[in-house]
Protein backbone atom coordinates (compact mmCIF):
# COMPACT_ATOMS: atom_id res chain seq x y z
CA MET A 1 -112.75 215.96 -52.68
CA ASN A 2 -110.59 212.97 -52.02
CA ALA A 3 -110.31 211.58 -48.41
CA ARG A 4 -107.12 211.92 -46.99
CA VAL A 5 -105.18 208.66 -46.87
CA VAL A 6 -103.20 207.06 -43.90
CA LEU A 7 -101.44 203.94 -43.89
CA ALA A 8 -100.40 201.51 -41.08
CA ILE A 9 -97.36 198.93 -41.69
CA ALA A 10 -96.94 196.59 -39.05
CA ALA A 11 -95.17 193.13 -38.49
CA HIS A 12 -97.36 190.96 -37.65
CA PRO A 13 -101.26 190.35 -37.43
CA ASP A 14 -102.51 191.80 -34.60
CA ASP A 15 -99.79 194.33 -34.07
CA ILE A 16 -101.76 197.49 -35.11
CA GLU A 17 -104.39 196.54 -32.90
CA PHE A 18 -102.33 196.55 -29.57
CA MET A 19 -100.32 199.57 -30.30
CA MET A 20 -102.20 201.54 -33.34
CA SER A 21 -106.00 201.23 -33.77
CA GLY A 22 -106.99 203.74 -31.40
CA THR A 23 -105.58 206.55 -33.82
CA LEU A 24 -107.01 205.07 -36.54
CA PHE A 25 -110.23 204.73 -35.03
CA HIS A 26 -110.17 208.63 -34.74
CA LEU A 27 -108.62 208.85 -38.13
CA LYS A 28 -111.32 206.83 -39.90
CA ASP A 29 -113.96 209.13 -37.80
CA LEU A 30 -112.73 212.52 -39.14
CA GLY A 31 -113.00 210.67 -42.53
CA TRP A 32 -109.64 209.68 -43.41
CA GLU A 33 -109.00 206.52 -45.93
CA VAL A 34 -107.43 203.75 -43.82
CA HIS A 35 -105.12 201.32 -45.17
CA LEU A 36 -103.40 198.72 -43.20
CA CYS A 37 -100.68 196.12 -43.83
CA ASN A 38 -98.73 193.48 -41.75
CA LEU A 39 -95.59 192.34 -43.37
CA ALA A 40 -95.49 188.72 -42.55
CA SER A 41 -98.28 186.11 -42.80
CA GLY A 42 -98.32 184.99 -39.07
CA ASP A 43 -97.26 181.78 -39.98
CA CYS A 44 -95.83 181.10 -36.29
CA GLY A 45 -98.53 181.88 -34.29
CA SER A 46 -99.93 178.12 -33.61
CA ALA A 47 -98.05 175.48 -32.10
CA GLU A 48 -100.42 172.96 -33.50
CA LEU A 49 -101.39 174.49 -37.16
CA GLY A 50 -99.70 173.91 -40.12
CA TYR A 51 -98.36 176.64 -42.53
CA HIS A 52 -101.43 176.82 -44.81
CA GLN A 53 -103.93 176.43 -42.02
CA ILE A 54 -102.43 178.89 -39.60
CA THR A 55 -101.63 181.41 -42.57
CA GLN A 56 -104.94 181.23 -44.26
CA GLN A 57 -106.58 181.75 -40.64
CA ARG A 58 -104.46 184.47 -39.66
CA TRP A 59 -105.37 186.32 -43.10
CA ASN A 60 -108.92 185.86 -42.67
CA GLU A 61 -108.53 187.19 -38.90
CA ALA A 62 -106.69 190.35 -40.52
CA GLN A 63 -109.36 190.99 -42.87
CA GLU A 64 -112.30 190.53 -40.39
CA ALA A 65 -110.20 193.24 -38.29
CA ALA A 66 -109.90 195.49 -40.98
CA ALA A 67 -113.45 195.14 -42.00
CA PHE A 68 -114.34 195.57 -38.46
CA LEU A 69 -112.47 199.10 -38.77
CA GLY A 70 -113.60 200.21 -42.19
CA ALA A 71 -110.42 199.66 -43.50
CA SER A 72 -108.58 198.15 -46.39
CA ILE A 73 -106.15 195.78 -45.97
CA HIS A 74 -103.01 194.61 -48.13
CA PRO A 75 -101.85 191.16 -47.87
CA PRO A 76 -98.42 190.32 -46.10
CA VAL A 77 -95.37 189.73 -48.33
CA THR A 78 -93.25 187.40 -46.29
CA ASP A 79 -93.26 185.04 -43.36
CA ASP A 80 -92.40 185.52 -39.57
CA LEU A 81 -88.80 185.97 -38.65
CA HIS A 82 -88.05 186.47 -42.79
CA ILE A 83 -88.36 190.35 -42.27
CA ILE A 84 -85.32 191.16 -42.90
CA TYR A 85 -83.96 194.93 -43.96
CA SER A 86 -83.07 193.61 -48.09
CA THR A 87 -83.52 195.11 -51.25
CA PRO A 88 -86.17 192.63 -52.19
CA LEU A 89 -88.75 193.21 -49.42
CA LEU A 90 -88.03 196.85 -49.57
CA ALA A 91 -89.52 196.83 -52.99
CA LYS A 92 -92.36 195.10 -52.14
CA VAL A 93 -93.00 197.69 -49.45
CA ALA A 94 -91.99 200.42 -51.41
CA ALA A 95 -94.43 199.52 -54.28
CA LEU A 96 -97.28 199.70 -51.58
CA VAL A 97 -96.28 203.08 -50.65
CA ARG A 98 -96.59 204.28 -54.07
CA VAL A 99 -100.10 202.39 -54.39
CA VAL A 100 -101.46 203.92 -51.36
CA LYS A 101 -100.11 207.34 -51.72
CA PRO A 102 -100.59 207.94 -47.87
CA GLU A 103 -100.42 211.38 -45.99
CA ILE A 104 -99.55 209.74 -42.88
CA VAL A 105 -97.78 206.39 -42.20
CA LEU A 106 -97.80 204.63 -38.82
CA LEU A 107 -95.13 202.35 -37.97
CA PRO A 108 -93.83 200.45 -35.34
CA SER A 109 -91.01 201.60 -33.15
CA PRO A 110 -87.45 201.57 -34.23
CA GLN A 111 -86.50 199.97 -30.89
CA ASP A 112 -89.00 196.84 -29.86
CA TYR A 113 -88.55 193.49 -28.05
CA MET A 114 -88.90 191.80 -31.47
CA GLU A 115 -86.59 192.24 -34.27
CA ASP A 116 -89.61 191.54 -36.92
CA HIS A 117 -91.00 194.72 -35.68
CA SER A 118 -87.94 196.87 -35.78
CA GLU A 119 -86.58 195.89 -39.50
CA THR A 120 -90.66 196.56 -40.57
CA SER A 121 -89.97 200.21 -38.95
CA ARG A 122 -86.70 200.39 -40.79
CA LEU A 123 -88.27 199.12 -43.92
CA GLY A 124 -91.42 201.48 -43.86
CA VAL A 125 -89.09 204.27 -43.98
CA THR A 126 -86.96 203.61 -46.53
CA ALA A 127 -89.89 202.99 -48.91
CA VAL A 128 -91.49 206.12 -47.86
CA PHE A 129 -87.96 208.20 -48.34
CA SER A 130 -87.62 206.03 -51.88
CA ARG A 131 -91.31 206.83 -53.39
CA GLY A 132 -90.19 209.57 -55.67
CA MET A 133 -87.10 208.13 -56.73
CA LYS A 134 -87.72 206.99 -60.60
CA ASN A 135 -84.72 204.78 -60.81
CA PHE A 136 -85.64 202.59 -57.42
CA ALA A 137 -87.62 199.28 -59.06
CA THR A 138 -90.27 198.48 -56.62
CA ASP A 139 -92.09 195.09 -56.92
CA PRO A 140 -94.35 195.27 -58.82
CA ALA A 141 -92.95 198.09 -61.03
CA LEU A 142 -94.58 201.37 -60.50
CA PRO A 143 -93.88 205.02 -61.28
CA PRO A 144 -92.68 207.39 -58.48
CA TRP A 145 -94.64 209.30 -56.28
CA MET A 146 -93.75 212.83 -55.07
CA GLY A 147 -96.45 213.54 -52.53
CA ASP A 148 -95.54 215.10 -48.70
CA CYS A 149 -95.85 212.16 -46.22
CA ALA A 150 -95.31 212.34 -42.40
CA LEU A 151 -94.01 209.36 -40.72
CA TYR A 152 -95.33 208.41 -37.04
CA HIS A 153 -93.84 205.54 -34.62
CA ALA A 154 -95.99 203.60 -32.37
CA LEU A 155 -94.70 202.63 -28.65
CA PRO A 156 -92.96 199.37 -28.81
CA TYR A 157 -95.12 196.33 -27.44
CA GLY A 158 -94.77 195.68 -23.80
CA LEU A 159 -93.39 199.85 -23.65
CA HIS A 160 -90.15 198.93 -23.63
CA ASP A 161 -86.96 198.16 -25.87
CA GLY A 162 -84.72 195.02 -26.26
CA LEU A 163 -82.61 196.18 -23.09
CA ARG A 164 -85.47 196.75 -21.03
CA HIS A 165 -85.40 200.81 -21.53
CA ARG A 166 -89.06 202.37 -21.04
CA ILE A 167 -90.06 204.50 -24.44
CA HIS A 168 -91.50 207.54 -23.87
CA PRO A 169 -93.54 209.17 -26.80
CA ASP A 170 -93.33 212.80 -28.24
CA PHE A 171 -97.26 213.28 -27.79
CA PHE A 172 -100.33 211.12 -26.63
CA ILE A 173 -103.54 209.83 -28.51
CA ASP A 174 -106.75 209.24 -25.78
CA ALA A 175 -108.14 206.16 -26.75
CA THR A 176 -110.39 206.14 -24.38
CA LEU A 177 -113.92 206.33 -26.45
CA VAL A 178 -112.38 203.93 -28.83
CA GLN A 179 -111.06 201.34 -26.37
CA GLU A 180 -113.74 199.28 -26.27
CA LYS A 181 -113.91 199.34 -30.37
CA LYS A 182 -109.68 198.47 -30.22
CA ARG A 183 -110.65 195.31 -27.44
CA GLN A 184 -113.31 194.10 -30.20
CA MET A 185 -110.76 194.39 -33.01
CA LEU A 186 -108.23 192.69 -31.33
CA ALA A 187 -110.65 189.79 -30.48
CA LYS A 188 -111.01 189.10 -33.89
CA HIS A 189 -107.55 187.28 -33.92
CA ARG A 190 -108.79 184.50 -32.11
CA SER A 191 -105.86 182.03 -33.02
CA GLN A 192 -103.65 183.95 -30.87
CA LYS A 193 -106.17 184.93 -28.25
CA GLU A 194 -107.00 180.80 -28.02
CA TRP A 195 -103.39 180.35 -28.02
CA LEU A 196 -102.48 182.69 -25.52
CA ASP A 197 -105.39 181.18 -23.25
CA VAL A 198 -103.52 177.79 -23.17
CA SER A 199 -100.17 179.27 -22.47
CA GLN A 200 -100.82 182.08 -20.47
CA GLY A 201 -104.05 181.99 -18.59
CA ALA A 202 -107.78 182.73 -19.78
CA GLY A 203 -107.90 186.25 -21.17
CA ALA A 204 -104.28 187.39 -21.31
CA TYR A 205 -104.62 188.22 -24.57
CA LEU A 206 -106.96 191.17 -23.84
CA LEU A 207 -105.82 192.02 -20.72
CA ALA A 208 -102.25 192.84 -22.24
CA LEU A 209 -104.18 195.41 -24.29
CA GLU A 210 -106.01 197.15 -21.31
CA ALA A 211 -102.78 197.07 -19.00
CA MET A 212 -100.47 198.76 -21.55
CA SER A 213 -103.49 201.14 -22.70
CA GLN A 214 -103.89 202.17 -19.04
CA ASP A 215 -100.03 202.28 -18.46
CA VAL A 216 -99.63 204.83 -21.69
CA GLY A 217 -103.01 206.66 -20.45
CA ALA A 218 -101.37 207.08 -16.86
CA GLU A 219 -98.26 208.32 -18.58
CA SER A 220 -100.06 211.25 -20.21
CA GLY A 221 -101.62 212.52 -16.82
CA GLN A 222 -104.56 213.22 -18.80
CA PHE A 223 -106.43 210.13 -20.21
CA ARG A 224 -107.60 206.75 -18.92
CA TYR A 225 -105.97 204.83 -22.23
CA GLY A 226 -103.82 206.47 -24.75
CA GLU A 227 -101.85 205.49 -27.27
CA GLY A 228 -98.00 207.16 -27.62
CA TRP A 229 -96.56 208.33 -30.70
CA ARG A 230 -92.98 209.72 -31.97
CA ARG A 231 -92.65 211.98 -34.64
CA HIS A 232 -90.10 210.82 -37.64
CA SER A 233 -87.66 213.49 -39.01
CA HIS A 234 -89.25 215.60 -41.85
CA LEU A 235 -85.90 215.48 -43.85
CA GLY A 236 -86.62 213.55 -47.04
CA PHE A 237 -90.33 213.23 -46.35
CA GLY A 238 -92.19 216.79 -46.51
CA PRO A 239 -92.04 220.35 -45.10
CA GLN A 240 -90.94 220.64 -41.67
CA ASP A 241 -93.81 222.28 -40.36
CA PHE A 242 -95.91 218.96 -42.42
CA ASP A 243 -97.68 217.42 -39.08
CA PRO A 244 -100.92 216.18 -40.21
CA LEU A 245 -101.30 214.03 -36.81
CA LYS A 246 -101.10 216.90 -34.92
CA GLU A 247 -103.93 218.19 -36.84
CA VAL A 248 -106.29 215.62 -35.36
CA LEU A 249 -104.83 216.06 -32.05
CA ILE A 250 -106.24 219.84 -32.48
CA GLN A 251 -109.64 218.83 -34.19
CA PHE A 252 -110.22 216.27 -30.93
CA TYR A 253 -108.87 218.16 -27.82
CA GLY A 254 -108.21 221.66 -29.06
CA GLU A 255 -104.71 221.50 -28.94
CA ALA A 256 -101.89 219.35 -28.90
CA ASN A 257 -101.09 217.05 -25.98
């Protein structure tokens, strides 16, 4: 029997680690096949290195982080600040969906402090919506795929939207048992840690992860460390009761939280 498949799509190398990786570690432990894609290369993530140096370094770090999780990673399709909701970029993301054929797709919050994150969310939603459309040309060209797919949106980085409003999840995942793995996975992105150590103080990168995970855990009222999710509408994606991430909650906690 083939493993069930989850695809996490984020904007930049390290976004998955901050907001999604705890859930992915749980899915991996349950036998799911995990795929990752950061749409942007991370080329703006350095104050010193040139384009080719930083993009290669960030790709290397992303691959190392994916290997730590035990996931397959797909290369970026554009650069930082080039994530614009457009047909050419949509065609690339749609091709990724048709290749991976995921049962679950994890996406950024539609409301976020950074437009790259919000646009990634929009692109991911339409890419999945178009998966069975024969006459939508993907890049590269691939045949349609008609499988059911459930979409879930992570919390925004900083847990607030661009207007400083707190975003509250529909449900929580307990990240306590995998928090150390989350920290180690994030630490693979050394270029970002070093940059923020200089600009924001030593350890700022990992401290941000710790603070957000604790904040979400406190909001759950149950967990020390948590991740929060909102489920996208089922319309155009699968049956109303198709909620595979809820199955994960039941397997881990005995009932949905």
